[in-house]
Amino acid sequence: MHVEDQKQTSAKSDGFYCMNPEADLDSIYRSGSLSDVLRHTLEGAFSWQRRNETTLERTLNMPGLAPQWVAGLLAGGAMAHVEGKAIPLVEVLRTATKQSIKEVCLPIEGMLWGQAQVARTPVDEPIVFAIAAVKMRQGVVLQAQAALTGVWPSSVGLANAVAALAGGPLTPERISEVSAQVAEEVAPKENYLGSVEYRRAMASVLTRQALQMCLDGME
């Protein structure tokens, strides 16, 4: 039986869901504060036993352990509290300060989420995965980010092109434009599951599908 203790996570009233790095993924999964899309990244290969045995800190130190989950945190604009400062998690993961993270806070208020993937079978790990998060206000994009797996030299990375959606409406035309730019931005490595060309094409297609899911969520 899972026991709630000082390592549990807690939602804050300022629109952020804040997580203790020592919290296990199952307590985070069961908190009820994550979007269905983000919770989905902790399903599939992640049984409840595996979630219960894996901490948030471990996934940040080893992104390849749960790349889709880490991608979701990056797409959502998660912030890491390090030495009294709030720093974008994507910046912290590029440095050696991960062990100093005291808390990870994820915006949850008013966020639209979408994800898409391609895999050999529904139960296999994705060959390429994309997850997007968009925040809107009065029809204008305030924030838009997408993170992908399977298309970078490292396990996971943000697609910078998607941030260009901020400041305008979220439309199929604009989604197609930034998704095409993602294909030029990624740097995939070829293996037996897919060529460089295939992964690059999928990066664009899946980013577009994930962002379209965000657009559909506005209706």
N, C-alpha and C. Protein backbone atom coordinates (compact mmCIF):
# COMPACT_ATOMS: atom_id res chain seq x y z
N MET A 1 0.85 -1.19 0.00
CA MET A 1 0.00 0.00 0.00
C MET A 1 0.88 1.24 0.00
N HIS A 2 0.49 2.19 -0.80
CA HIS A 2 1.27 3.43 -0.86
C HIS A 2 0.95 4.29 0.35
N VAL A 3 1.96 4.78 1.03
CA VAL A 3 1.77 5.60 2.22
C VAL A 3 2.09 7.05 1.89
N GLU A 4 1.14 7.95 2.19
CA GLU A 4 1.38 9.36 1.98
C GLU A 4 2.33 9.88 3.07
N ASP A 5 3.37 10.61 2.71
CA ASP A 5 4.30 11.14 3.69
C ASP A 5 4.81 12.48 3.25
N GLN A 6 5.94 12.89 3.82
CA GLN A 6 6.48 14.20 3.50
C GLN A 6 6.93 14.30 2.05
N LYS A 7 7.02 13.20 1.35
CA LYS A 7 7.47 13.23 -0.03
C LYS A 7 6.31 13.42 -1.00
N GLN A 8 5.08 13.54 -0.50
CA GLN A 8 3.95 13.67 -1.39
C GLN A 8 4.00 15.01 -2.11
N THR A 9 3.24 15.13 -3.17
CA THR A 9 3.20 16.37 -3.93
C THR A 9 2.02 17.20 -3.47
N SER A 10 2.02 18.47 -3.80
CA SER A 10 0.91 19.33 -3.36
C SER A 10 0.62 20.36 -4.43
N ALA A 11 -0.67 20.60 -4.65
CA ALA A 11 -1.10 21.61 -5.60
C ALA A 11 -1.16 22.96 -4.90
N LYS A 12 -0.74 23.99 -5.60
CA LYS A 12 -0.80 25.33 -5.03
C LYS A 12 -1.94 26.11 -5.70
N SER A 13 -2.40 27.12 -5.01
CA SER A 13 -3.57 27.86 -5.48
C SER A 13 -3.24 28.90 -6.54
N ASP A 14 -1.96 29.07 -6.84
CA ASP A 14 -1.58 30.10 -7.80
C ASP A 14 -1.50 29.57 -9.23
N GLY A 15 -2.13 28.44 -9.49
CA GLY A 15 -2.17 27.90 -10.84
C GLY A 15 -1.03 26.97 -11.18
N PHE A 16 -0.21 26.62 -10.20
CA PHE A 16 0.91 25.70 -10.40
C PHE A 16 0.71 24.44 -9.57
N TYR A 17 1.19 23.33 -10.10
CA TYR A 17 1.24 22.08 -9.35
C TYR A 17 2.71 21.82 -9.04
N CYS A 18 3.04 21.83 -7.76
CA CYS A 18 4.44 21.73 -7.36
C CYS A 18 4.75 20.35 -6.80
N MET A 19 5.89 19.81 -7.22
CA MET A 19 6.27 18.44 -6.92
C MET A 19 7.62 18.40 -6.21
N ASN A 20 7.67 17.63 -5.15
CA ASN A 20 8.92 17.35 -4.46
C ASN A 20 9.74 16.38 -5.32
N PRO A 21 11.01 16.66 -5.56
CA PRO A 21 11.81 15.74 -6.38
C PRO A 21 11.86 14.32 -5.83
N GLU A 22 11.67 14.16 -4.51
CA GLU A 22 11.72 12.84 -3.92
C GLU A 22 10.39 12.09 -4.03
N ALA A 23 9.36 12.76 -4.55
CA ALA A 23 8.05 12.11 -4.70
C ALA A 23 8.13 11.01 -5.75
N ASP A 24 7.44 9.91 -5.51
CA ASP A 24 7.40 8.85 -6.51
C ASP A 24 6.38 9.20 -7.59
N LEU A 25 6.58 8.65 -8.77
CA LEU A 25 5.73 8.99 -9.90
C LEU A 25 4.30 8.52 -9.72
N ASP A 26 4.08 7.50 -8.92
CA ASP A 26 2.71 7.03 -8.73
C ASP A 26 1.90 8.03 -7.92
N SER A 27 2.51 8.64 -6.91
CA SER A 27 1.79 9.66 -6.14
C SER A 27 1.48 10.87 -7.02
N ILE A 28 2.41 11.21 -7.91
CA ILE A 28 2.17 12.30 -8.85
C ILE A 28 1.05 11.92 -9.81
N TYR A 29 1.10 10.70 -10.32
CA TYR A 29 0.10 10.20 -11.26
C TYR A 29 -1.29 10.22 -10.64
N ARG A 30 -1.39 9.85 -9.36
CA ARG A 30 -2.69 9.74 -8.71
C ARG A 30 -3.16 11.04 -8.07
N SER A 31 -2.38 12.09 -8.20
CA SER A 31 -2.71 13.34 -7.50
C SER A 31 -3.99 13.99 -8.02
N GLY A 32 -4.32 13.74 -9.29
CA GLY A 32 -5.49 14.38 -9.89
C GLY A 32 -5.22 15.77 -10.42
N SER A 33 -3.97 16.23 -10.34
CA SER A 33 -3.64 17.59 -10.77
C SER A 33 -3.09 17.65 -12.19
N LEU A 34 -2.74 16.51 -12.76
CA LEU A 34 -2.17 16.50 -14.11
C LEU A 34 -3.27 16.38 -15.16
N SER A 35 -3.02 16.92 -16.33
CA SER A 35 -3.93 16.73 -17.45
C SER A 35 -3.92 15.26 -17.87
N ASP A 36 -4.98 14.84 -18.54
CA ASP A 36 -5.03 13.45 -19.02
C ASP A 36 -3.88 13.15 -19.97
N VAL A 37 -3.52 14.13 -20.78
CA VAL A 37 -2.42 13.93 -21.74
C VAL A 37 -1.12 13.69 -21.00
N LEU A 38 -0.84 14.48 -19.98
CA LEU A 38 0.41 14.31 -19.24
C LEU A 38 0.38 13.02 -18.41
N ARG A 39 -0.76 12.67 -17.86
CA ARG A 39 -0.86 11.41 -17.12
C ARG A 39 -0.59 10.22 -18.04
N HIS A 40 -0.98 10.36 -19.30
CA HIS A 40 -0.79 9.27 -20.26
C HIS A 40 0.69 8.93 -20.45
N THR A 41 1.58 9.91 -20.25
CA THR A 41 3.01 9.64 -20.40
C THR A 41 3.52 8.73 -19.29
N LEU A 42 2.75 8.55 -18.23
CA LEU A 42 3.14 7.68 -17.12
C LEU A 42 2.37 6.37 -17.14
N GLU A 43 1.80 6.06 -18.27
CA GLU A 43 1.08 4.80 -18.44
C GLU A 43 1.87 3.90 -19.39
N GLY A 44 1.24 2.89 -19.93
CA GLY A 44 1.92 2.00 -20.85
C GLY A 44 3.00 1.21 -20.15
N ALA A 45 4.25 1.48 -20.53
CA ALA A 45 5.37 0.74 -19.94
C ALA A 45 5.53 1.03 -18.45
N PHE A 46 4.93 2.12 -17.98
CA PHE A 46 5.03 2.48 -16.57
C PHE A 46 3.85 1.88 -15.81
N SER A 47 4.03 0.67 -15.28
CA SER A 47 3.03 0.07 -14.40
C SER A 47 3.02 0.83 -13.08
N TRP A 48 2.00 0.59 -12.26
CA TRP A 48 1.96 1.29 -10.97
C TRP A 48 3.15 0.90 -10.10
N GLN A 49 3.61 -0.35 -10.25
CA GLN A 49 4.78 -0.75 -9.47
C GLN A 49 6.01 0.06 -9.87
N ARG A 50 6.19 0.22 -11.17
CA ARG A 50 7.36 0.97 -11.64
C ARG A 50 7.24 2.43 -11.25
N ARG A 51 6.03 2.99 -11.36
CA ARG A 51 5.83 4.38 -10.94
C ARG A 51 6.14 4.54 -9.46
N ASN A 52 5.73 3.56 -8.66
CA ASN A 52 5.92 3.63 -7.22
C ASN A 52 7.40 3.56 -6.84
N GLU A 53 8.20 2.92 -7.68
CA GLU A 53 9.63 2.74 -7.40
C GLU A 53 10.52 3.83 -8.00
N THR A 54 9.91 4.72 -8.79
CA THR A 54 10.69 5.73 -9.51
C THR A 54 10.34 7.13 -9.02
N THR A 55 11.33 7.88 -8.62
CA THR A 55 11.09 9.24 -8.14
C THR A 55 11.20 10.25 -9.28
N LEU A 56 10.61 11.42 -9.05
CA LEU A 56 10.75 12.52 -10.00
C LEU A 56 12.22 12.87 -10.19
N GLU A 57 12.97 12.92 -9.11
CA GLU A 57 14.39 13.26 -9.19
C GLU A 57 15.14 12.30 -10.12
N ARG A 58 14.81 11.02 -10.04
CA ARG A 58 15.51 10.04 -10.87
C ARG A 58 15.23 10.29 -12.35
N THR A 59 13.99 10.65 -12.68
CA THR A 59 13.68 10.89 -14.09
C THR A 59 14.36 12.15 -14.61
N LEU A 60 14.62 13.11 -13.72
CA LEU A 60 15.32 14.32 -14.15
C LEU A 60 16.81 14.05 -14.32
N ASN A 61 17.35 13.20 -13.48
CA ASN A 61 18.76 12.84 -13.60
C ASN A 61 19.02 11.89 -14.76
N MET A 62 17.99 11.10 -15.12
CA MET A 62 18.11 10.12 -16.21
C MET A 62 16.88 10.27 -17.12
N PRO A 63 16.82 11.33 -17.96
CA PRO A 63 15.64 11.56 -18.80
C PRO A 63 15.28 10.37 -19.69
N GLY A 64 16.27 9.55 -20.05
CA GLY A 64 15.98 8.40 -20.89
C GLY A 64 15.16 7.34 -20.19
N LEU A 65 15.03 7.45 -18.86
CA LEU A 65 14.23 6.50 -18.10
C LEU A 65 12.74 6.70 -18.37
N ALA A 66 12.33 7.94 -18.53
CA ALA A 66 10.92 8.27 -18.79
C ALA A 66 10.87 9.48 -19.71
N PRO A 67 11.34 9.33 -20.96
CA PRO A 67 11.49 10.49 -21.84
C PRO A 67 10.18 11.20 -22.17
N GLN A 68 9.08 10.45 -22.31
CA GLN A 68 7.81 11.10 -22.64
C GLN A 68 7.32 11.95 -21.47
N TRP A 69 7.53 11.47 -20.25
CA TRP A 69 7.17 12.22 -19.06
C TRP A 69 7.98 13.51 -18.97
N VAL A 70 9.30 13.41 -19.15
CA VAL A 70 10.15 14.60 -19.10
C VAL A 70 9.78 15.56 -20.22
N ALA A 71 9.45 15.02 -21.40
CA ALA A 71 9.01 15.87 -22.51
C ALA A 71 7.77 16.66 -22.12
N GLY A 72 6.85 16.02 -21.41
CA GLY A 72 5.64 16.72 -20.97
C GLY A 72 5.94 17.86 -20.02
N LEU A 73 6.88 17.64 -19.10
CA LEU A 73 7.27 18.70 -18.19
C LEU A 73 7.87 19.88 -18.94
N LEU A 74 8.70 19.59 -19.92
CA LEU A 74 9.32 20.66 -20.70
C LEU A 74 8.29 21.42 -21.53
N ALA A 75 7.40 20.68 -22.17
CA ALA A 75 6.37 21.33 -22.99
C ALA A 75 5.47 22.21 -22.15
N GLY A 76 5.18 21.75 -20.93
CA GLY A 76 4.31 22.52 -20.05
C GLY A 76 4.97 23.73 -19.42
N GLY A 77 6.24 23.92 -19.66
CA GLY A 77 6.93 25.07 -19.10
C GLY A 77 7.24 24.93 -17.62
N ALA A 78 7.56 23.72 -17.17
CA ALA A 78 7.85 23.49 -15.76
C ALA A 78 9.05 24.34 -15.31
N MET A 79 8.95 24.80 -14.08
CA MET A 79 10.02 25.59 -13.48
C MET A 79 10.64 24.81 -12.33
N ALA A 80 11.96 24.90 -12.22
CA ALA A 80 12.68 24.24 -11.14
C ALA A 80 13.14 25.30 -10.14
N HIS A 81 12.91 25.02 -8.86
CA HIS A 81 13.37 25.93 -7.81
C HIS A 81 14.72 25.44 -7.31
N VAL A 82 15.72 26.24 -7.58
CA VAL A 82 17.10 25.90 -7.26
C VAL A 82 17.72 27.06 -6.49
N GLU A 83 18.13 26.79 -5.27
CA GLU A 83 18.80 27.80 -4.44
C GLU A 83 17.99 29.09 -4.38
N GLY A 84 16.69 28.95 -4.16
CA GLY A 84 15.83 30.11 -3.99
C GLY A 84 15.42 30.79 -5.27
N LYS A 85 15.82 30.27 -6.41
CA LYS A 85 15.47 30.88 -7.69
C LYS A 85 14.62 29.92 -8.51
N ALA A 86 13.70 30.47 -9.29
CA ALA A 86 12.89 29.67 -10.20
C ALA A 86 13.50 29.76 -11.59
N ILE A 87 13.91 28.60 -12.13
CA ILE A 87 14.59 28.53 -13.41
C ILE A 87 13.83 27.56 -14.30
N PRO A 88 13.64 27.88 -15.59
CA PRO A 88 12.99 26.91 -16.49
C PRO A 88 13.68 25.55 -16.41
N LEU A 89 12.89 24.51 -16.27
CA LEU A 89 13.46 23.17 -16.11
C LEU A 89 14.35 22.81 -17.29
N VAL A 90 13.99 23.24 -18.48
CA VAL A 90 14.79 22.91 -19.66
C VAL A 90 16.22 23.43 -19.51
N GLU A 91 16.39 24.58 -18.85
CA GLU A 91 17.73 25.13 -18.65
C GLU A 91 18.49 24.33 -17.59
N VAL A 92 17.78 23.91 -16.55
CA VAL A 92 18.43 23.15 -15.49
C VAL A 92 18.92 21.81 -16.01
N LEU A 93 18.14 21.18 -16.89
CA LEU A 93 18.53 19.87 -17.40
C LEU A 93 19.78 19.92 -18.28
N ARG A 94 20.14 21.11 -18.72
CA ARG A 94 21.35 21.26 -19.53
C ARG A 94 22.59 21.44 -18.67
N THR A 95 22.40 21.56 -17.36
CA THR A 95 23.52 21.83 -16.47
C THR A 95 23.71 20.67 -15.50
N ALA A 96 24.62 20.85 -14.59
CA ALA A 96 24.90 19.81 -13.59
C ALA A 96 24.22 20.13 -12.26
N THR A 97 23.16 20.96 -12.28
CA THR A 97 22.53 21.39 -11.03
C THR A 97 21.28 20.58 -10.69
N LYS A 98 21.03 19.50 -11.41
CA LYS A 98 19.78 18.76 -11.19
C LYS A 98 19.65 18.25 -9.76
N GLN A 99 20.76 17.88 -9.14
CA GLN A 99 20.71 17.36 -7.78
C GLN A 99 20.30 18.44 -6.79
N SER A 100 20.38 19.72 -7.19
CA SER A 100 20.06 20.83 -6.28
C SER A 100 18.62 21.29 -6.38
N ILE A 101 17.80 20.64 -7.21
CA ILE A 101 16.41 21.04 -7.37
C ILE A 101 15.64 20.76 -6.09
N LYS A 102 14.96 21.77 -5.58
CA LYS A 102 14.17 21.63 -4.36
C LYS A 102 12.70 21.36 -4.67
N GLU A 103 12.24 21.81 -5.82
CA GLU A 103 10.84 21.68 -6.18
C GLU A 103 10.69 21.90 -7.67
N VAL A 104 9.75 21.21 -8.28
CA VAL A 104 9.43 21.42 -9.69
C VAL A 104 7.96 21.83 -9.76
N CYS A 105 7.69 22.98 -10.36
CA CYS A 105 6.33 23.51 -10.43
C CYS A 105 5.88 23.61 -11.88
N LEU A 106 4.71 23.06 -12.13
CA LEU A 106 4.16 22.97 -13.48
C LEU A 106 2.91 23.82 -13.59
N PRO A 107 2.83 24.74 -14.56
CA PRO A 107 1.58 25.48 -14.75
C PRO A 107 0.44 24.53 -15.13
N ILE A 108 -0.69 24.66 -14.48
CA ILE A 108 -1.82 23.77 -14.78
C ILE A 108 -3.09 24.53 -15.11
N GLU A 109 -3.12 25.81 -14.84
CA GLU A 109 -4.34 26.58 -15.05
C GLU A 109 -4.41 27.08 -16.50
N GLY A 110 -5.51 26.75 -17.18
CA GLY A 110 -5.74 27.26 -18.52
C GLY A 110 -4.86 26.68 -19.60
N MET A 111 -4.27 25.52 -19.36
CA MET A 111 -3.38 24.91 -20.35
C MET A 111 -4.14 23.94 -21.24
N LEU A 112 -3.84 24.00 -22.53
CA LEU A 112 -4.36 23.04 -23.51
C LEU A 112 -3.23 22.08 -23.85
N TRP A 113 -3.54 20.77 -23.86
CA TRP A 113 -2.51 19.76 -24.08
C TRP A 113 -2.85 18.88 -25.28
N GLY A 114 -1.80 18.41 -25.95
CA GLY A 114 -1.97 17.46 -27.04
C GLY A 114 -0.73 16.61 -27.18
N GLN A 115 -0.91 15.39 -27.66
CA GLN A 115 0.25 14.51 -27.88
C GLN A 115 -0.04 13.59 -29.05
N ALA A 116 1.03 13.15 -29.68
CA ALA A 116 0.92 12.20 -30.79
C ALA A 116 2.21 11.40 -30.84
N GLN A 117 2.11 10.18 -31.34
CA GLN A 117 3.29 9.33 -31.40
C GLN A 117 3.16 8.32 -32.52
N VAL A 118 4.29 7.74 -32.87
CA VAL A 118 4.32 6.64 -33.82
C VAL A 118 5.17 5.54 -33.20
N ALA A 119 4.66 4.31 -33.26
CA ALA A 119 5.35 3.15 -32.68
C ALA A 119 5.04 1.93 -33.52
N ARG A 120 5.84 0.89 -33.36
CA ARG A 120 5.60 -0.34 -34.13
C ARG A 120 4.27 -0.97 -33.77
N THR A 121 3.96 -1.00 -32.47
CA THR A 121 2.67 -1.51 -31.99
C THR A 121 2.21 -0.59 -30.87
N PRO A 122 0.93 -0.66 -30.49
CA PRO A 122 0.42 0.21 -29.42
C PRO A 122 1.13 0.04 -28.08
N VAL A 123 1.75 -1.12 -27.85
CA VAL A 123 2.39 -1.34 -26.56
C VAL A 123 3.88 -1.06 -26.58
N ASP A 124 4.45 -0.78 -27.75
CA ASP A 124 5.88 -0.49 -27.85
C ASP A 124 6.17 0.95 -27.45
N GLU A 125 7.41 1.19 -27.04
CA GLU A 125 7.87 2.55 -26.82
C GLU A 125 7.80 3.32 -28.14
N PRO A 126 7.40 4.59 -28.09
CA PRO A 126 7.31 5.36 -29.33
C PRO A 126 8.65 5.48 -30.05
N ILE A 127 8.58 5.41 -31.37
CA ILE A 127 9.76 5.71 -32.18
C ILE A 127 10.00 7.22 -32.14
N VAL A 128 8.93 7.96 -32.36
CA VAL A 128 8.95 9.42 -32.23
C VAL A 128 7.70 9.81 -31.45
N PHE A 129 7.85 10.76 -30.55
CA PHE A 129 6.75 11.21 -29.68
C PHE A 129 6.78 12.72 -29.62
N ALA A 130 5.61 13.34 -29.66
CA ALA A 130 5.52 14.80 -29.52
C ALA A 130 4.42 15.14 -28.53
N ILE A 131 4.68 16.10 -27.68
CA ILE A 131 3.68 16.59 -26.74
C ILE A 131 3.73 18.11 -26.74
N ALA A 132 2.56 18.73 -26.76
CA ALA A 132 2.48 20.19 -26.86
C ALA A 132 1.58 20.72 -25.76
N ALA A 133 1.88 21.93 -25.32
CA ALA A 133 1.07 22.63 -24.33
C ALA A 133 0.92 24.08 -24.77
N VAL A 134 -0.31 24.57 -24.75
CA VAL A 134 -0.60 25.92 -25.21
C VAL A 134 -1.47 26.62 -24.17
N LYS A 135 -1.15 27.86 -23.89
CA LYS A 135 -1.97 28.68 -23.00
C LYS A 135 -2.52 29.85 -23.79
N MET A 136 -3.84 30.03 -23.71
CA MET A 136 -4.52 31.06 -24.49
C MET A 136 -5.15 32.11 -23.57
N ARG A 137 -5.34 33.30 -24.11
CA ARG A 137 -6.13 34.33 -23.44
C ARG A 137 -6.84 35.16 -24.50
N GLN A 138 -8.16 35.13 -24.45
CA GLN A 138 -8.99 35.89 -25.38
C GLN A 138 -8.59 35.64 -26.84
N GLY A 139 -8.38 34.36 -27.15
CA GLY A 139 -8.08 33.98 -28.53
C GLY A 139 -6.65 34.17 -28.97
N VAL A 140 -5.78 34.59 -28.07
CA VAL A 140 -4.37 34.83 -28.41
C VAL A 140 -3.50 33.85 -27.63
N VAL A 141 -2.51 33.30 -28.29
CA VAL A 141 -1.58 32.37 -27.64
C VAL A 141 -0.63 33.15 -26.74
N LEU A 142 -0.66 32.82 -25.45
CA LEU A 142 0.29 33.43 -24.52
C LEU A 142 1.59 32.64 -24.48
N GLN A 143 1.47 31.33 -24.57
CA GLN A 143 2.63 30.45 -24.46
C GLN A 143 2.36 29.18 -25.25
N ALA A 144 3.33 28.72 -25.99
CA ALA A 144 3.22 27.47 -26.74
C ALA A 144 4.57 26.79 -26.79
N GLN A 145 4.59 25.53 -26.43
CA GLN A 145 5.82 24.76 -26.48
C GLN A 145 5.50 23.33 -26.86
N ALA A 146 6.44 22.70 -27.52
CA ALA A 146 6.32 21.29 -27.85
C ALA A 146 7.67 20.63 -27.61
N ALA A 147 7.63 19.45 -27.04
CA ALA A 147 8.85 18.67 -26.80
C ALA A 147 8.70 17.33 -27.50
N LEU A 148 9.81 16.80 -27.97
CA LEU A 148 9.79 15.55 -28.72
C LEU A 148 10.84 14.59 -28.21
N THR A 149 10.58 13.31 -28.43
CA THR A 149 11.58 12.28 -28.18
C THR A 149 11.82 11.54 -29.49
N GLY A 150 13.01 10.94 -29.60
CA GLY A 150 13.34 10.16 -30.79
C GLY A 150 13.86 10.95 -31.96
N VAL A 151 14.12 12.25 -31.74
CA VAL A 151 14.58 13.08 -32.87
C VAL A 151 15.75 13.98 -32.49
N TRP A 152 16.37 13.70 -31.35
CA TRP A 152 17.50 14.50 -30.89
C TRP A 152 18.68 13.58 -30.54
N PRO A 153 19.87 14.13 -30.45
CA PRO A 153 20.99 13.31 -29.95
C PRO A 153 20.77 12.84 -28.52
N SER A 154 20.06 13.65 -27.72
CA SER A 154 19.70 13.27 -26.36
C SER A 154 18.30 12.67 -26.35
N SER A 155 17.84 12.27 -25.18
CA SER A 155 16.56 11.56 -25.08
C SER A 155 15.36 12.43 -25.42
N VAL A 156 15.42 13.70 -25.05
CA VAL A 156 14.27 14.58 -25.19
C VAL A 156 14.74 16.00 -25.41
N GLY A 157 13.94 16.79 -26.11
CA GLY A 157 14.28 18.18 -26.33
C GLY A 157 13.09 19.00 -26.74
N LEU A 158 13.18 20.31 -26.54
CA LEU A 158 12.13 21.25 -26.95
C LEU A 158 12.34 21.65 -28.41
N ALA A 159 11.22 21.83 -29.11
CA ALA A 159 11.26 22.36 -30.46
C ALA A 159 11.06 23.87 -30.38
N ASN A 160 12.10 24.62 -30.61
CA ASN A 160 12.04 26.07 -30.43
C ASN A 160 11.06 26.76 -31.36
N ALA A 161 10.83 26.19 -32.55
CA ALA A 161 9.98 26.84 -33.54
C ALA A 161 8.57 27.07 -33.04
N VAL A 162 8.07 26.19 -32.16
CA VAL A 162 6.68 26.26 -31.71
C VAL A 162 6.42 27.52 -30.89
N ALA A 163 7.43 28.04 -30.23
CA ALA A 163 7.26 29.25 -29.41
C ALA A 163 6.82 30.44 -30.25
N ALA A 164 7.02 30.39 -31.56
CA ALA A 164 6.62 31.49 -32.44
C ALA A 164 5.11 31.65 -32.52
N LEU A 165 4.36 30.68 -32.04
CA LEU A 165 2.89 30.80 -32.02
C LEU A 165 2.42 31.87 -31.05
N ALA A 166 3.23 32.20 -30.06
CA ALA A 166 2.84 33.20 -29.07
C ALA A 166 2.61 34.56 -29.72
N GLY A 167 1.55 35.22 -29.27
CA GLY A 167 1.24 36.55 -29.78
C GLY A 167 0.21 36.58 -30.89
N GLY A 168 -0.23 35.41 -31.35
CA GLY A 168 -1.23 35.36 -32.41
C GLY A 168 -2.28 34.30 -32.13
N PRO A 169 -3.20 34.10 -33.03
CA PRO A 169 -4.23 33.07 -32.83
C PRO A 169 -3.66 31.68 -33.08
N LEU A 170 -4.34 30.69 -32.55
CA LEU A 170 -3.97 29.30 -32.82
C LEU A 170 -4.86 28.81 -33.95
N THR A 171 -4.26 28.68 -35.14
CA THR A 171 -5.01 28.29 -36.33
C THR A 171 -4.31 27.12 -37.02
N PRO A 172 -5.03 26.36 -37.83
CA PRO A 172 -4.39 25.26 -38.56
C PRO A 172 -3.25 25.74 -39.45
N GLU A 173 -3.39 26.92 -40.01
CA GLU A 173 -2.35 27.44 -40.89
C GLU A 173 -1.06 27.73 -40.11
N ARG A 174 -1.20 28.37 -38.97
CA ARG A 174 -0.02 28.69 -38.16
C ARG A 174 0.60 27.42 -37.58
N ILE A 175 -0.24 26.47 -37.21
CA ILE A 175 0.26 25.19 -36.72
C ILE A 175 1.09 24.49 -37.78
N SER A 176 0.59 24.47 -39.01
CA SER A 176 1.33 23.83 -40.11
C SER A 176 2.66 24.51 -40.36
N GLU A 177 2.67 25.83 -40.23
CA GLU A 177 3.90 26.59 -40.50
C GLU A 177 4.99 26.25 -39.49
N VAL A 178 4.66 26.28 -38.19
CA VAL A 178 5.70 26.00 -37.19
C VAL A 178 6.08 24.52 -37.19
N SER A 179 5.13 23.65 -37.51
CA SER A 179 5.43 22.22 -37.55
C SER A 179 6.42 21.90 -38.66
N ALA A 180 6.30 22.57 -39.78
CA ALA A 180 7.25 22.38 -40.87
C ALA A 180 8.65 22.83 -40.45
N GLN A 181 8.72 23.88 -39.64
CA GLN A 181 10.01 24.37 -39.17
C GLN A 181 10.66 23.39 -38.18
N VAL A 182 9.83 22.66 -37.45
CA VAL A 182 10.36 21.67 -36.52
C VAL A 182 11.17 20.61 -37.26
N ALA A 183 10.72 20.22 -38.44
CA ALA A 183 11.43 19.22 -39.23
C ALA A 183 12.85 19.67 -39.56
N GLU A 184 13.04 20.97 -39.71
CA GLU A 184 14.37 21.50 -40.02
C GLU A 184 15.22 21.64 -38.76
N GLU A 185 14.57 21.71 -37.63
CA GLU A 185 15.26 21.97 -36.37
C GLU A 185 15.82 20.71 -35.71
N VAL A 186 15.10 19.61 -35.83
CA VAL A 186 15.50 18.39 -35.11
C VAL A 186 16.79 17.82 -35.69
N ALA A 187 17.43 16.97 -34.89
CA ALA A 187 18.70 16.35 -35.30
C ALA A 187 18.67 14.87 -34.93
N PRO A 188 17.86 14.09 -35.64
CA PRO A 188 17.70 12.68 -35.27
C PRO A 188 18.90 11.83 -35.66
N LYS A 189 18.98 10.70 -34.98
CA LYS A 189 19.97 9.68 -35.31
C LYS A 189 19.25 8.47 -35.89
N GLU A 190 19.85 7.88 -36.90
CA GLU A 190 19.23 6.71 -37.54
C GLU A 190 19.50 5.45 -36.74
N ASN A 191 18.48 4.58 -36.67
CA ASN A 191 18.69 3.23 -36.14
C ASN A 191 17.72 2.28 -36.85
N TYR A 192 17.62 1.06 -36.37
CA TYR A 192 16.81 0.06 -37.06
C TYR A 192 15.32 0.39 -37.04
N LEU A 193 14.91 1.31 -36.17
CA LEU A 193 13.49 1.67 -36.09
C LEU A 193 13.10 2.78 -37.05
N GLY A 194 14.09 3.51 -37.56
CA GLY A 194 13.73 4.59 -38.47
C GLY A 194 14.93 5.38 -38.95
N SER A 195 14.88 5.79 -40.19
CA SER A 195 15.96 6.58 -40.77
C SER A 195 15.88 8.02 -40.28
N VAL A 196 16.93 8.78 -40.57
CA VAL A 196 16.93 10.21 -40.25
C VAL A 196 15.77 10.91 -40.94
N GLU A 197 15.56 10.59 -42.22
CA GLU A 197 14.50 11.23 -42.99
C GLU A 197 13.12 10.91 -42.41
N TYR A 198 12.93 9.65 -42.02
CA TYR A 198 11.65 9.25 -41.44
C TYR A 198 11.40 9.97 -40.13
N ARG A 199 12.38 10.02 -39.26
CA ARG A 199 12.22 10.67 -37.96
C ARG A 199 11.99 12.17 -38.12
N ARG A 200 12.68 12.77 -39.08
CA ARG A 200 12.49 14.20 -39.33
C ARG A 200 11.06 14.48 -39.82
N ALA A 201 10.58 13.65 -40.72
CA ALA A 201 9.21 13.82 -41.22
C ALA A 201 8.19 13.61 -40.11
N MET A 202 8.42 12.61 -39.28
CA MET A 202 7.49 12.32 -38.18
C MET A 202 7.49 13.45 -37.14
N ALA A 203 8.64 14.08 -36.95
CA ALA A 203 8.70 15.21 -36.02
C ALA A 203 7.72 16.30 -36.42
N SER A 204 7.66 16.58 -37.71
CA SER A 204 6.74 17.60 -38.22
C SER A 204 5.29 17.14 -38.11
N VAL A 205 5.03 15.93 -38.56
CA VAL A 205 3.66 15.40 -38.56
C VAL A 205 3.10 15.33 -37.14
N LEU A 206 3.89 14.79 -36.22
CA LEU A 206 3.41 14.59 -34.86
C LEU A 206 3.28 15.89 -34.10
N THR A 207 4.17 16.85 -34.35
CA THR A 207 4.02 18.17 -33.74
C THR A 207 2.72 18.82 -34.20
N ARG A 208 2.44 18.70 -35.48
CA ARG A 208 1.19 19.26 -36.00
C ARG A 208 -0.02 18.59 -35.36
N GLN A 209 0.02 17.29 -35.22
CA GLN A 209 -1.10 16.58 -34.61
C GLN A 209 -1.28 16.96 -33.14
N ALA A 210 -0.17 17.08 -32.42
CA ALA A 210 -0.26 17.46 -31.01
C ALA A 210 -0.83 18.86 -30.86
N LEU A 211 -0.39 19.80 -31.69
CA LEU A 211 -0.90 21.16 -31.62
C LEU A 211 -2.37 21.23 -32.08
N GLN A 212 -2.72 20.40 -33.06
CA GLN A 212 -4.12 20.35 -33.50
C GLN A 212 -5.02 19.86 -32.37
N MET A 213 -4.51 18.93 -31.57
CA MET A 213 -5.26 18.44 -30.41
C MET A 213 -5.48 19.58 -29.41
N CYS A 214 -4.49 20.44 -29.25
CA CYS A 214 -4.67 21.63 -28.39
C CYS A 214 -5.75 22.54 -28.96
N LEU A 215 -5.71 22.75 -30.27
CA LEU A 215 -6.73 23.59 -30.93
C LEU A 215 -8.12 22.98 -30.76
N ASP A 216 -8.21 21.70 -30.92
CA ASP A 216 -9.51 21.03 -30.75
C ASP A 216 -10.04 21.17 -29.32
N GLY A 217 -9.12 21.27 -28.37
CA GLY A 217 -9.52 21.41 -26.98
C GLY A 217 -10.13 22.76 -26.65
N MET A 218 -10.01 23.72 -27.56
CA MET A 218 -10.61 25.04 -27.35
C MET A 218 -12.10 25.01 -27.59
N GLU A 219 -12.59 24.01 -28.30
CA GLU A 219 -13.99 23.98 -28.69
C GLU A 219 -14.86 23.40 -27.60
